[in-house]
Amino acid sequence: MRLGHRYEPWTSDFASAPSAAIRGVVQAARLRAMWALQQGRQADACEELLAALALGRNASHDGILISAMVQFASETMICSTVAENFHRFTPESLKQLADGFAAAPPRGTVAACIPAEKTSFLDWLENKILELQKDNPGNDAKVMAGISKLVNSFQGPEEGPSNKPEVSFADEIARAAGGTSEGVLKLLHDEVALYERLAQVVALPPREYEEQMHPLLAQIQNTSNPLVKMTFPAFEKCRQKEFAVQAASAMVQAAIAYKLSGDEGFQSVVDPCGDGPFGIQRFIFEGADRGFQLNLPTPAAAFLRRLSLSEKEGTPFCVNGQKAGQAVPKSALGK
């Protein structure tokens, strides 16, 4: 039974599905699509991939950062599957894929996740501290003990004595807060302006983002507020992966346009991290012409520099990532 048939119509129910389950469904769709292509069932393969694309996109609409990351990973997997099996798709199926990508639900963004991330961490912790103060009037030592228990839970269970830090995260916060719960609240309030600034920066296009993110990162790294250091660096890595998936999706669409309409079609797809089309060249692997490769001329998407598309059968190769253009490790082939 095809993924599209099992999970259609797409509803908000999937936005609340566990992230691991979503990744598992997308991985299964990838395998079913590859099997369908090998059996000559082109339409089934396209439906599997497009349904998985819609699932990942819709799952990110809860506004949680981990959901956006699962969406990026899912879409990257789908793009890689198309690239690895590009030679197996007929022109009609490529057109079906292109239309499906264009009609897919909007992609969730890192910027859209910031309000929920702020609420689920900063606002939640502030409310917990206020509750502790209300329950323990005049006993700030007990309030601080409660705060210590809360913040140490962020680090998860200890894995062993060797992994226990000399100074706990709770101790760092207490020191920065001057040992008082009001001081901890001030640390939280100091984060509000950074959340507002971050929301502006991560919504910028690549060039402006790079220009403004560097000084913001420097501010974050140089702060004496341990809560800021814990919370904010993750957004920069997530934004880079967001650029990468935008580029990967556009590369797949550019490759399809090239196959269907030649140079004119290829030139019509613009690099989302730059101002013009992607670079293109033949891809030589193990001395044989195996297809073509699209290159990202801009440095914005650090997690994706190029995408190689297979036009012939042969030894499997990595289509993107740090090992793009290299043979797929034998250990991975058995998975």
C-alpha atoms as a PDB file:
ATOM      1  CA  MET A   1       0.000   0.000   0.000  1.00  0.00           C
ATOM      2  CA  ARG A   2       1.441   3.354  -0.965  1.00  0.00           C
ATOM      3  CA  LEU A   3       2.318   5.993   1.572  1.00  0.00           C
ATOM      4  CA  GLY A   4       0.015   8.493  -0.076  1.00  0.00           C
ATOM      5  CA  HIS A   5      -2.881   6.096   0.246  1.00  0.00           C
ATOM      6  CA  ARG A   6      -2.211   5.349   3.910  1.00  0.00           C
ATOM      7  CA  TYR A   7      -1.732   8.902   5.140  1.00  0.00           C
ATOM      8  CA  GLU A   8      -3.872  11.011   2.837  1.00  0.00           C
ATOM      9  CA  PRO A   9      -5.331  13.529   3.431  1.00  0.00           C
ATOM     10  CA  TRP A  10      -2.539  15.437   5.152  1.00  0.00           C
ATOM     11  CA  THR A  11      -3.784  16.934   8.403  1.00  0.00           C
ATOM     12  CA  SER A  12      -2.368  18.556  11.497  1.00  0.00           C
ATOM     13  CA  ASP A  13      -2.350  15.117  13.167  1.00  0.00           C
ATOM     14  CA  PHE A  14       1.034  14.534  11.576  1.00  0.00           C
ATOM     15  CA  ALA A  15       2.473  17.720  13.087  1.00  0.00           C
ATOM     16  CA  SER A  16       2.201  16.089  16.526  1.00  0.00           C
ATOM     17  CA  ALA A  17       3.667  12.751  15.442  1.00  0.00           C
ATOM     18  CA  PRO A  18       6.942  11.849  17.171  1.00  0.00           C
ATOM     19  CA  SER A  19       9.972  12.987  15.207  1.00  0.00           C
ATOM     20  CA  ALA A  20      11.527   9.525  15.162  1.00  0.00           C
ATOM     21  CA  ALA A  21       8.331   8.039  13.751  1.00  0.00           C
ATOM     22  CA  ILE A  22       8.258  10.619  10.974  1.00  0.00           C
ATOM     23  CA  ARG A  23      11.834   9.868  10.001  1.00  0.00           C
ATOM     24  CA  GLY A  24      11.002   6.174   9.995  1.00  0.00           C
ATOM     25  CA  VAL A  25       8.031   6.725   7.687  1.00  0.00           C
ATOM     26  CA  VAL A  26      10.146   8.800   5.302  1.00  0.00           C
ATOM     27  CA  GLN A  27      12.903   6.173   5.297  1.00  0.00           C
ATOM     28  CA  ALA A  28      10.301   3.497   4.500  1.00  0.00           C
ATOM     29  CA  ALA A  29       8.918   5.675   1.694  1.00  0.00           C
ATOM     30  CA  ARG A  30      12.405   6.026   0.257  1.00  0.00           C
ATOM     31  CA  LEU A  31      12.862   2.233   0.200  1.00  0.00           C
ATOM     32  CA  ARG A  32       9.402   1.634  -1.288  1.00  0.00           C
ATOM     33  CA  ALA A  33      10.077   4.237  -3.968  1.00  0.00           C
ATOM     34  CA  MET A  34      13.367   2.571  -4.912  1.00  0.00           C
ATOM     35  CA  TRP A  35      11.658  -0.823  -5.073  1.00  0.00           C
ATOM     36  CA  ALA A  36       8.836   0.634  -7.192  1.00  0.00           C
ATOM     37  CA  LEU A  37      11.354   2.092  -9.646  1.00  0.00           C
ATOM     38  CA  GLN A  38      13.083  -1.264  -9.973  1.00  0.00           C
ATOM     39  CA  GLN A  39       9.696  -2.811 -10.780  1.00  0.00           C
ATOM     40  CA  GLY A  40       8.902  -0.161 -13.377  1.00  0.00           C
ATOM     41  CA  ARG A  41       6.127   1.343 -11.236  1.00  0.00           C
ATOM     42  CA  GLN A  42       7.007   4.962 -11.912  1.00  0.00           C
ATOM     43  CA  ALA A  43       3.799   6.565 -10.633  1.00  0.00           C
ATOM     44  CA  ASP A  44       4.002   4.632  -7.357  1.00  0.00           C
ATOM     45  CA  ALA A  45       7.578   5.772  -6.800  1.00  0.00           C
ATOM     46  CA  CYS A  46       6.637   9.406  -7.352  1.00  0.00           C
ATOM     47  CA  GLU A  47       3.644   9.136  -5.026  1.00  0.00           C
ATOM     48  CA  GLU A  48       5.807   7.668  -2.267  1.00  0.00           C
ATOM     49  CA  LEU A  49       8.363  10.468  -2.479  1.00  0.00           C
ATOM     50  CA  LEU A  50       5.852  13.284  -2.782  1.00  0.00           C
ATOM     51  CA  ALA A  51       3.751  11.941   0.085  1.00  0.00           C
ATOM     52  CA  ALA A  52       6.861  11.760   2.269  1.00  0.00           C
ATOM     53  CA  LEU A  53       7.755  15.312   1.255  1.00  0.00           C
ATOM     54  CA  ALA A  54       4.300  16.516   2.333  1.00  0.00           C
ATOM     55  CA  LEU A  55       4.557  14.615   5.622  1.00  0.00           C
ATOM     56  CA  GLY A  56       7.877  16.247   6.487  1.00  0.00           C
ATOM     57  CA  ARG A  57       6.684  19.711   5.510  1.00  0.00           C
ATOM     58  CA  ASN A  58       3.439  19.441   7.495  1.00  0.00           C
ATOM     59  CA  ALA A  59       5.198  17.990  10.539  1.00  0.00           C
ATOM     60  CA  SER A  60       7.214  21.199  10.892  1.00  0.00           C
ATOM     61  CA  HIS A  61       4.127  23.366  11.279  1.00  0.00           C
ATOM     62  CA  ASP A  62       3.990  22.856  15.059  1.00  0.00           C
ATOM     63  CA  GLY A  63       6.710  25.508  15.229  1.00  0.00           C
ATOM     64  CA  ILE A  64       9.146  23.364  17.231  1.00  0.00           C
ATOM     65  CA  LEU A  65      12.791  23.450  16.166  1.00  0.00           C
ATOM     66  CA  ILE A  66      13.281  19.678  16.299  1.00  0.00           C
ATOM     67  CA  SER A  67      10.303  19.264  13.968  1.00  0.00           C
ATOM     68  CA  ALA A  68      11.897  21.678  11.502  1.00  0.00           C
ATOM     69  CA  MET A  69      15.134  19.704  11.698  1.00  0.00           C
ATOM     70  CA  VAL A  70      13.283  16.449  11.019  1.00  0.00           C
ATOM     71  CA  GLN A  71      11.665  18.164   8.044  1.00  0.00           C
ATOM     72  CA  PHE A  72      15.083  19.243   6.718  1.00  0.00           C
ATOM     73  CA  ALA A  73      16.473  15.732   7.146  1.00  0.00           C
ATOM     74  CA  SER A  74      13.427  14.169   5.482  1.00  0.00           C
ATOM     75  CA  GLU A  75      13.520  16.497   2.497  1.00  0.00           C
ATOM     76  CA  THR A  76      17.267  15.983   2.106  1.00  0.00           C
ATOM     77  CA  MET A  77      16.658  12.225   2.058  1.00  0.00           C
ATOM     78  CA  ILE A  78      14.010  12.627  -0.639  1.00  0.00           C
ATOM     79  CA  CYS A  79      16.267  14.823  -2.774  1.00  0.00           C
ATOM     80  CA  SER A  80      19.101  12.302  -2.423  1.00  0.00           C
ATOM     81  CA  THR A  81      16.793   9.474  -3.469  1.00  0.00           C
ATOM     82  CA  VAL A  82      15.832  11.347  -6.635  1.00  0.00           C
ATOM     83  CA  ALA A  83      19.488  12.085  -7.411  1.00  0.00           C
ATOM     84  CA  GLU A  84      20.631   8.495  -6.820  1.00  0.00           C
ATOM     85  CA  ASN A  85      17.889   7.096  -9.049  1.00  0.00           C
ATOM     86  CA  PHE A  86      17.684   9.929 -11.563  1.00  0.00           C
ATOM     87  CA  HIS A  87      18.360   7.614 -14.506  1.00  0.00           C
ATOM     88  CA  ARG A  88      15.385   5.434 -13.580  1.00  0.00           C
ATOM     89  CA  PHE A  89      12.758   8.176 -13.889  1.00  0.00           C
ATOM     90  CA  THR A  90      10.997   8.689 -17.216  1.00  0.00           C
ATOM     91  CA  PRO A  91      10.389  12.250 -18.464  1.00  0.00           C
ATOM     92  CA  GLU A  92       6.741  11.876 -17.472  1.00  0.00           C
ATOM     93  CA  SER A  93       7.725  10.874 -13.934  1.00  0.00           C
ATOM     94  CA  LEU A  94      10.194  13.737 -13.678  1.00  0.00           C
ATOM     95  CA  LYS A  95       7.390  16.088 -14.646  1.00  0.00           C
ATOM     96  CA  GLN A  96       5.216  14.506 -11.943  1.00  0.00           C
ATOM     97  CA  LEU A  97       7.960  15.095  -9.395  1.00  0.00           C
ATOM     98  CA  ALA A  98       8.477  18.695 -10.486  1.00  0.00           C
ATOM     99  CA  ASP A  99       4.769  19.418 -10.209  1.00  0.00           C
ATOM    100  CA  GLY A 100       4.651  17.719  -6.813  1.00  0.00           C
ATOM    101  CA  PHE A 101       7.561  19.738  -5.447  1.00  0.00           C
ATOM    102  CA  ALA A 102       5.884  22.930  -6.640  1.00  0.00           C
ATOM    103  CA  ALA A 103       2.554  21.974  -5.029  1.00  0.00           C
ATOM    104  CA  ALA A 104       4.008  20.700  -1.729  1.00  0.00           C
ATOM    105  CA  PRO A 105       2.985  22.369   1.553  1.00  0.00           C
ATOM    106  CA  PRO A 106       5.154  25.334   2.545  1.00  0.00           C
ATOM    107  CA  ARG A 107       8.417  24.471   4.214  1.00  0.00           C
ATOM    108  CA  GLY A 108       8.620  25.281   7.920  1.00  0.00           C
ATOM    109  CA  THR A 109      11.395  27.724   8.810  1.00  0.00           C
ATOM    110  CA  VAL A 110      13.827  28.225  11.667  1.00  0.00           C
ATOM    111  CA  ALA A 111      12.517  31.771  12.091  1.00  0.00           C
ATOM    112  CA  ALA A 112       8.982  30.469  12.566  1.00  0.00           C
ATOM    113  CA  CYS A 113      10.181  28.215  15.397  1.00  0.00           C
ATOM    114  CA  ILE A 114      11.589  30.973  17.587  1.00  0.00           C
ATOM    115  CA  PRO A 115       8.294  31.987  19.298  1.00  0.00           C
ATOM    116  CA  ALA A 116       7.538  28.396  20.345  1.00  0.00           C
ATOM    117  CA  GLU A 117      11.136  27.805  21.423  1.00  0.00           C
ATOM    118  CA  LYS A 118      11.026  30.945  23.560  1.00  0.00           C
ATOM    119  CA  THR A 119       7.722  29.897  25.111  1.00  0.00           C
ATOM    120  CA  SER A 120       8.764  26.315  25.767  1.00  0.00           C
ATOM    121  CA  PHE A 121      12.046  27.284  27.436  1.00  0.00           C
ATOM    122  CA  LEU A 122      12.313  30.880  28.630  1.00  0.00           C
ATOM    123  CA  ASP A 123       8.655  31.480  29.502  1.00  0.00           C
ATOM    124  CA  TRP A 124       8.272  27.973  30.943  1.00  0.00           C
ATOM    125  CA  LEU A 125      11.325  28.353  33.200  1.00  0.00           C
ATOM    126  CA  GLU A 126      10.240  31.823  34.327  1.00  0.00           C
ATOM    127  CA  ASN A 127       6.800  30.474  35.321  1.00  0.00           C
ATOM    128  CA  LYS A 128       8.392  27.591  37.232  1.00  0.00           C
ATOM    129  CA  ILE A 129      10.605  30.006  39.159  1.00  0.00           C
ATOM    130  CA  LEU A 130       7.649  32.237  39.987  1.00  0.00           C
ATOM    131  CA  GLU A 131       5.769  29.179  41.266  1.00  0.00           C
ATOM    132  CA  LEU A 132       8.734  28.211  43.450  1.00  0.00           C
ATOM    133  CA  GLN A 133       8.893  31.740  44.867  1.00  0.00           C
ATOM    134  CA  LYS A 134       5.156  31.675  45.607  1.00  0.00           C
ATOM    135  CA  ASP A 135       5.378  28.276  47.311  1.00  0.00           C
ATOM    136  CA  ASN A 136       8.421  29.239  49.391  1.00  0.00           C
ATOM    137  CA  PRO A 137       7.969  32.840  50.552  1.00  0.00           C
ATOM    138  CA  GLY A 138      11.030  34.198  52.344  1.00  0.00           C
ATOM    139  CA  ASN A 139      13.052  31.017  51.674  1.00  0.00           C
ATOM    140  CA  ASP A 140      15.155  31.803  48.627  1.00  0.00           C
ATOM    141  CA  ALA A 141      17.573  28.981  49.422  1.00  0.00           C
ATOM    142  CA  LYS A 142      14.757  26.467  48.845  1.00  0.00           C
ATOM    143  CA  VAL A 143      13.752  28.315  45.655  1.00  0.00           C
ATOM    144  CA  MET A 144      17.324  28.087  44.381  1.00  0.00           C
ATOM    145  CA  ALA A 145      17.398  24.373  45.235  1.00  0.00           C
ATOM    146  CA  GLY A 146      14.278  23.918  43.113  1.00  0.00           C
ATOM    147  CA  ILE A 147      15.836  25.909  40.259  1.00  0.00           C
ATOM    148  CA  SER A 148      18.975  23.786  40.510  1.00  0.00           C
ATOM    149  CA  LYS A 149      16.914  20.615  40.150  1.00  0.00           C
ATOM    150  CA  LEU A 150      15.117  22.066  37.133  1.00  0.00           C
ATOM    151  CA  VAL A 151      18.160  23.216  35.208  1.00  0.00           C
ATOM    152  CA  ASN A 152      20.210  20.100  35.943  1.00  0.00           C
ATOM    153  CA  SER A 153      17.400  18.093  34.324  1.00  0.00           C
ATOM    154  CA  PHE A 154      18.208  19.867  31.033  1.00  0.00           C
ATOM    155  CA  GLN A 155      21.458  17.876  30.849  1.00  0.00           C
ATOM    156  CA  GLY A 156      19.722  14.515  31.176  1.00  0.00           C
ATOM    157  CA  PRO A 157      20.822  11.604  33.370  1.00  0.00           C
ATOM    158  CA  GLU A 158      24.502  11.191  34.206  1.00  0.00           C
ATOM    159  CA  GLU A 159      26.246   8.524  32.126  1.00  0.00           C
ATOM    160  CA  GLY A 160      29.030   7.904  34.622  1.00  0.00           C
ATOM    161  CA  PRO A 161      31.451   9.619  37.004  1.00  0.00           C
ATOM    162  CA  SER A 162      33.894  10.478  34.210  1.00  0.00           C
ATOM    163  CA  ASN A 163      31.219  12.506  32.410  1.00  0.00           C
ATOM    164  CA  LYS A 164      30.235  14.582  35.441  1.00  0.00           C
ATOM    165  CA  PRO A 165      31.376  18.196  34.998  1.00  0.00           C
ATOM    166  CA  GLU A 166      33.419  19.832  37.778  1.00  0.00           C
ATOM    167  CA  VAL A 167      30.928  22.723  37.846  1.00  0.00           C
ATOM    168  CA  SER A 168      27.312  21.833  37.116  1.00  0.00           C
ATOM    169  CA  PHE A 169      25.102  23.897  34.864  1.00  0.00           C
ATOM    170  CA  ALA A 170      23.019  24.849  37.899  1.00  0.00           C
ATOM    171  CA  ASP A 171      26.153  26.097  39.653  1.00  0.00           C
ATOM    172  CA  GLU A 172      27.044  28.232  36.627  1.00  0.00           C
ATOM    173  CA  ILE A 173      23.589  29.812  36.626  1.00  0.00           C
ATOM    174  CA  ALA A 174      23.630  30.399  40.375  1.00  0.00           C
ATOM    175  CA  ARG A 175      27.021  32.076  40.130  1.00  0.00           C
ATOM    176  CA  ALA A 176      25.949  34.303  37.232  1.00  0.00           C
ATOM    177  CA  ALA A 177      22.727  35.158  39.086  1.00  0.00           C
ATOM    178  CA  GLY A 178      24.489  36.184  42.271  1.00  0.00           C
ATOM    179  CA  GLY A 179      22.976  33.234  44.113  1.00  0.00           C
ATOM    180  CA  THR A 180      19.400  34.527  44.078  1.00  0.00           C
ATOM    181  CA  SER A 181      16.229  33.552  42.262  1.00  0.00           C
ATOM    182  CA  GLU A 182      15.662  37.183  41.289  1.00  0.00           C
ATOM    183  CA  GLY A 183      19.066  37.066  39.663  1.00  0.00           C
ATOM    184  CA  VAL A 184      18.028  33.985  37.666  1.00  0.00           C
ATOM    185  CA  LEU A 185      14.890  35.790  36.524  1.00  0.00           C
ATOM    186  CA  LYS A 186      17.068  38.696  35.388  1.00  0.00           C
ATOM    187  CA  LEU A 187      19.188  36.279  33.339  1.00  0.00           C
ATOM    188  CA  LEU A 188      15.986  35.081  31.657  1.00  0.00           C
ATOM    189  CA  HIS A 189      14.736  38.615  31.025  1.00  0.00           C
ATOM    190  CA  ASP A 190      18.085  39.512  29.461  1.00  0.00           C
ATOM    191  CA  GLU A 191      17.419  36.813  26.840  1.00  0.00           C
ATOM    192  CA  VAL A 192      14.246  38.450  25.526  1.00  0.00           C
ATOM    193  CA  ALA A 193      16.063  41.060  23.437  1.00  0.00           C
ATOM    194  CA  LEU A 194      18.325  38.355  22.004  1.00  0.00           C
ATOM    195  CA  TYR A 195      15.311  36.271  20.951  1.00  0.00           C
ATOM    196  CA  GLU A 196      13.881  39.314  19.181  1.00  0.00           C
ATOM    197  CA  ARG A 197      17.198  40.019  17.432  1.00  0.00           C
ATOM    198  CA  LEU A 198      17.649  36.359  16.522  1.00  0.00           C
ATOM    199  CA  ALA A 199      14.172  36.222  14.973  1.00  0.00           C
ATOM    200  CA  GLN A 200      15.107  39.115  12.694  1.00  0.00           C
ATOM    201  CA  VAL A 201      18.487  37.682  11.669  1.00  0.00           C
ATOM    202  CA  VAL A 202      17.454  34.085  10.885  1.00  0.00           C
ATOM    203  CA  ALA A 203      14.693  35.370   8.608  1.00  0.00           C
ATOM    204  CA  LEU A 204      17.226  37.167   6.384  1.00  0.00           C
ATOM    205  CA  PRO A 205      18.404  35.836   2.993  1.00  0.00           C
ATOM    206  CA  PRO A 206      21.869  34.218   2.958  1.00  0.00           C
ATOM    207  CA  ARG A 207      24.140  37.179   2.308  1.00  0.00           C
ATOM    208  CA  GLU A 208      22.455  39.467   4.820  1.00  0.00           C
ATOM    209  CA  TYR A 209      22.236  36.570   7.263  1.00  0.00           C
ATOM    210  CA  GLU A 210      25.984  35.925   7.116  1.00  0.00           C
ATOM    211  CA  GLU A 211      26.739  39.606   7.645  1.00  0.00           C
ATOM    212  CA  GLN A 212      24.513  39.959  10.684  1.00  0.00           C
ATOM    213  CA  MET A 213      24.843  36.510  12.252  1.00  0.00           C
ATOM    214  CA  HIS A 214      28.594  36.794  12.852  1.00  0.00           C
ATOM    215  CA  PRO A 215      28.359  39.736  15.284  1.00  0.00           C
ATOM    216  CA  LEU A 216      25.317  38.158  16.949  1.00  0.00           C
ATOM    217  CA  LEU A 217      27.243  34.903  17.463  1.00  0.00           C
ATOM    218  CA  ALA A 218      30.158  36.863  18.912  1.00  0.00           C
ATOM    219  CA  GLN A 219      27.762  38.513  21.348  1.00  0.00           C
ATOM    220  CA  ILE A 220      26.347  35.127  22.317  1.00  0.00           C
ATOM    221  CA  GLN A 221      29.778  33.538  22.768  1.00  0.00           C
ATOM    222  CA  ASN A 222      31.103  36.420  24.871  1.00  0.00           C
ATOM    223  CA  THR A 223      28.118  36.655  27.204  1.00  0.00           C
ATOM    224  CA  SER A 224      28.394  35.814  30.875  1.00  0.00           C
ATOM    225  CA  ASN A 225      24.834  34.445  30.815  1.00  0.00           C
ATOM    226  CA  PRO A 226      25.054  30.617  30.750  1.00  0.00           C
ATOM    227  CA  LEU A 227      21.407  30.319  29.681  1.00  0.00           C
ATOM    228  CA  VAL A 228      22.200  32.228  26.485  1.00  0.00           C
ATOM    229  CA  LYS A 229      25.185  29.996  25.746  1.00  0.00           C
ATOM    230  CA  MET A 230      23.018  26.916  26.177  1.00  0.00           C
ATOM    231  CA  THR A 231      20.077  28.117  24.105  1.00  0.00           C
ATOM    232  CA  PHE A 232      21.243  30.145  21.135  1.00  0.00           C
ATOM    233  CA  PRO A 233      24.148  28.416  19.307  1.00  0.00           C
ATOM    234  CA  ALA A 234      21.829  25.664  18.012  1.00  0.00           C
ATOM    235  CA  PHE A 235      19.899  28.150  15.880  1.00  0.00           C
ATOM    236  CA  GLU A 236      22.950  28.949  13.748  1.00  0.00           C
ATOM    237  CA  LYS A 237      23.534  25.286  12.864  1.00  0.00           C
ATOM    238  CA  CYS A 238      19.844  24.802  12.129  1.00  0.00           C
ATOM    239  CA  ARG A 239      19.804  27.810   9.806  1.00  0.00           C
ATOM    240  CA  GLN A 240      22.764  26.421   7.865  1.00  0.00           C
ATOM    241  CA  LYS A 241      20.879  23.154   7.382  1.00  0.00           C
ATOM    242  CA  GLU A 242      17.859  25.137   6.289  1.00  0.00           C
ATOM    243  CA  PHE A 243      19.938  26.822   3.573  1.00  0.00           C
ATOM    244  CA  ALA A 244      21.242  23.406   2.559  1.00  0.00           C
ATOM    245  CA  VAL A 245      17.788  21.851   2.109  1.00  0.00           C
ATOM    246  CA  GLN A 246      16.607  24.906   0.170  1.00  0.00           C
ATOM    247  CA  ALA A 247      19.578  24.461  -2.149  1.00  0.00           C
ATOM    248  CA  ALA A 248      19.099  20.675  -2.440  1.00  0.00           C
ATOM    249  CA  SER A 249      15.441  21.048  -3.384  1.00  0.00           C
ATOM    250  CA  ALA A 250      16.230  23.737  -5.942  1.00  0.00           C
ATOM    251  CA  MET A 251      19.053  21.607  -7.383  1.00  0.00           C
ATOM    252  CA  VAL A 252      16.678  18.689  -7.897  1.00  0.00           C
ATOM    253  CA  GLN A 253      14.197  20.979  -9.613  1.00  0.00           C
ATOM    254  CA  ALA A 254      16.976  22.476 -11.756  1.00  0.00           C
ATOM    255  CA  ALA A 255      18.149  18.979 -12.726  1.00  0.00           C
ATOM    256  CA  ILE A 256      14.620  18.004 -13.744  1.00  0.00           C
ATOM    257  CA  ALA A 257      14.215  21.212 -15.746  1.00  0.00           C
ATOM    258  CA  TYR A 258      17.552  20.517 -17.457  1.00  0.00           C
ATOM    259  CA  LYS A 259      16.489  16.994 -18.367  1.00  0.00           C
ATOM    260  CA  LEU A 260      13.106  18.108 -19.683  1.00  0.00           C
ATOM    261  CA  SER A 261      13.977  21.438 -21.328  1.00  0.00           C
ATOM    262  CA  GLY A 262      17.751  21.603 -21.691  1.00  0.00           C
ATOM    263  CA  ASP A 263      19.774  24.711 -20.870  1.00  0.00           C
ATOM    264  CA  GLU A 264      16.757  27.000 -21.072  1.00  0.00           C
ATOM    265  CA  GLY A 265      14.945  25.040 -18.382  1.00  0.00           C
ATOM    266  CA  PHE A 266      18.073  24.797 -16.258  1.00  0.00           C
ATOM    267  CA  GLN A 267      18.686  28.526 -16.391  1.00  0.00           C
ATOM    268  CA  SER A 268      15.139  29.179 -15.185  1.00  0.00           C
ATOM    269  CA  VAL A 269      15.845  27.744 -11.714  1.00  0.00           C
ATOM    270  CA  VAL A 270      17.712  30.182  -9.472  1.00  0.00           C
ATOM    271  CA  ASP A 271      20.093  29.253  -6.677  1.00  0.00           C
ATOM    272  CA  PRO A 272      18.168  30.244  -3.503  1.00  0.00           C
ATOM    273  CA  CYS A 273      21.462  31.081  -1.791  1.00  0.00           C
ATOM    274  CA  GLY A 274      22.675  33.323  -4.623  1.00  0.00           C
ATOM    275  CA  ASP A 275      21.560  35.441  -7.525  1.00  0.00           C
ATOM    276  CA  GLY A 276      21.738  33.165 -10.553  1.00  0.00           C
ATOM    277  CA  PRO A 277      21.599  29.544 -11.746  1.00  0.00           C
ATOM    278  CA  PHE A 278      23.693  26.727 -10.332  1.00  0.00           C
ATOM    279  CA  GLY A 279      26.940  25.618 -11.859  1.00  0.00           C
ATOM    280  CA  ILE A 280      26.748  22.433 -13.925  1.00  0.00           C
ATOM    281  CA  GLN A 281      29.312  19.947 -15.228  1.00  0.00           C
ATOM    282  CA  ARG A 282      29.613  16.313 -16.213  1.00  0.00           C
ATOM    283  CA  PHE A 283      30.292  13.909 -13.370  1.00  0.00           C
ATOM    284  CA  ILE A 284      33.128  11.433 -13.897  1.00  0.00           C
ATOM    285  CA  PHE A 285      33.226   8.560 -11.430  1.00  0.00           C
ATOM    286  CA  GLU A 286      35.858   5.813 -11.508  1.00  0.00           C
ATOM    287  CA  GLY A 287      36.876   6.942 -14.987  1.00  0.00           C
ATOM    288  CA  ALA A 288      33.357   6.759 -16.431  1.00  0.00           C
ATOM    289  CA  ASP A 289      30.824   9.476 -17.243  1.00  0.00           C
ATOM    290  CA  ARG A 290      28.011   8.654 -14.805  1.00  0.00           C
ATOM    291  CA  GLY A 291      25.869  11.766 -14.994  1.00  0.00           C
ATOM    292  CA  PHE A 292      26.069  15.434 -14.165  1.00  0.00           C
ATOM    293  CA  GLN A 293      26.798  17.519 -11.122  1.00  0.00           C
ATOM    294  CA  LEU A 294      25.276  20.769  -9.929  1.00  0.00           C
ATOM    295  CA  ASN A 295      27.454  23.104  -7.887  1.00  0.00           C
ATOM    296  CA  LEU A 296      26.509  25.762  -5.378  1.00  0.00           C
ATOM    297  CA  PRO A 297      28.698  28.798  -6.130  1.00  0.00           C
ATOM    298  CA  THR A 298      27.833  30.595  -2.889  1.00  0.00           C
ATOM    299  CA  PRO A 299      29.262  29.626   0.530  1.00  0.00           C
ATOM    300  CA  ALA A 300      26.002  30.103   2.447  1.00  0.00           C
ATOM    301  CA  ALA A 301      24.881  26.464   2.556  1.00  0.00           C
ATOM    302  CA  ALA A 302      27.892  24.974   4.323  1.00  0.00           C
ATOM    303  CA  PHE A 303      26.212  21.563   4.585  1.00  0.00           C
ATOM    304  CA  LEU A 304      25.744  21.226   0.814  1.00  0.00           C
ATOM    305  CA  ARG A 305      28.222  22.223  -1.900  1.00  0.00           C
ATOM    306  CA  ARG A 306      27.162  20.037  -4.796  1.00  0.00           C
ATOM    307  CA  LEU A 307      24.668  17.413  -5.916  1.00  0.00           C
ATOM    308  CA  SER A 308      25.611  14.576  -8.273  1.00  0.00           C
ATOM    309  CA  LEU A 309      22.848  12.985 -10.347  1.00  0.00           C
ATOM    310  CA  SER A 310      23.158   9.479 -11.716  1.00  0.00           C
ATOM    311  CA  GLU A 311      22.321   8.940 -15.391  1.00  0.00           C
ATOM    312  CA  LYS A 312      23.680   5.398 -15.668  1.00  0.00           C
ATOM    313  CA  GLU A 313      23.791   2.171 -13.657  1.00  0.00           C
ATOM    314  CA  GLY A 314      27.020   1.358 -11.893  1.00  0.00           C
ATOM    315  CA  THR A 315      28.809   1.465  -8.563  1.00  0.00           C
ATOM    316  CA  PRO A 316      26.715   3.532  -6.107  1.00  0.00           C
ATOM    317  CA  PHE A 317      28.234   6.879  -5.131  1.00  0.00           C
ATOM    318  CA  CYS A 318      27.397   9.523  -2.551  1.00  0.00           C
ATOM    319  CA  VAL A 319      25.353  12.240  -4.210  1.00  0.00           C
ATOM    320  CA  ASN A 320      25.827  15.012  -1.634  1.00  0.00           C
ATOM    321  CA  GLY A 321      27.442  15.888   1.671  1.00  0.00           C
ATOM    322  CA  GLN A 322      31.122  15.807   2.582  1.00  0.00           C
ATOM    323  CA  LYS A 323      31.639  12.539   0.666  1.00  0.00           C
ATOM    324  CA  ALA A 324      29.825  13.670  -2.493  1.00  0.00           C
ATOM    325  CA  GLY A 325      31.281  11.980  -5.539  1.00  0.00           C
ATOM    326  CA  GLN A 326      32.863   9.140  -3.550  1.00  0.00           C
ATOM    327  CA  ALA A 327      31.828   5.501  -3.590  1.00  0.00           C
ATOM    328  CA  VAL A 328      29.171   4.556  -1.047  1.00  0.00           C
ATOM    329  CA  PRO A 329      30.891   2.647   1.805  1.00  0.00           C
ATOM    330  CA  LYS A 330      30.291  -1.096   1.668  1.00  0.00           C
ATOM    331  CA  SER A 331      28.922  -0.971   5.221  1.00  0.00           C
ATOM    332  CA  ALA A 332      26.173   1.387   4.058  1.00  0.00           C
ATOM    333  CA  LEU A 333      25.201  -0.800   1.120  1.00  0.00           C
ATOM    334  CA  GLY A 334      24.070  -3.558   3.430  1.00  0.00           C
ATOM    335  CA  LYS A 335      21.642  -1.319   5.296  1.00  0.00           C
END
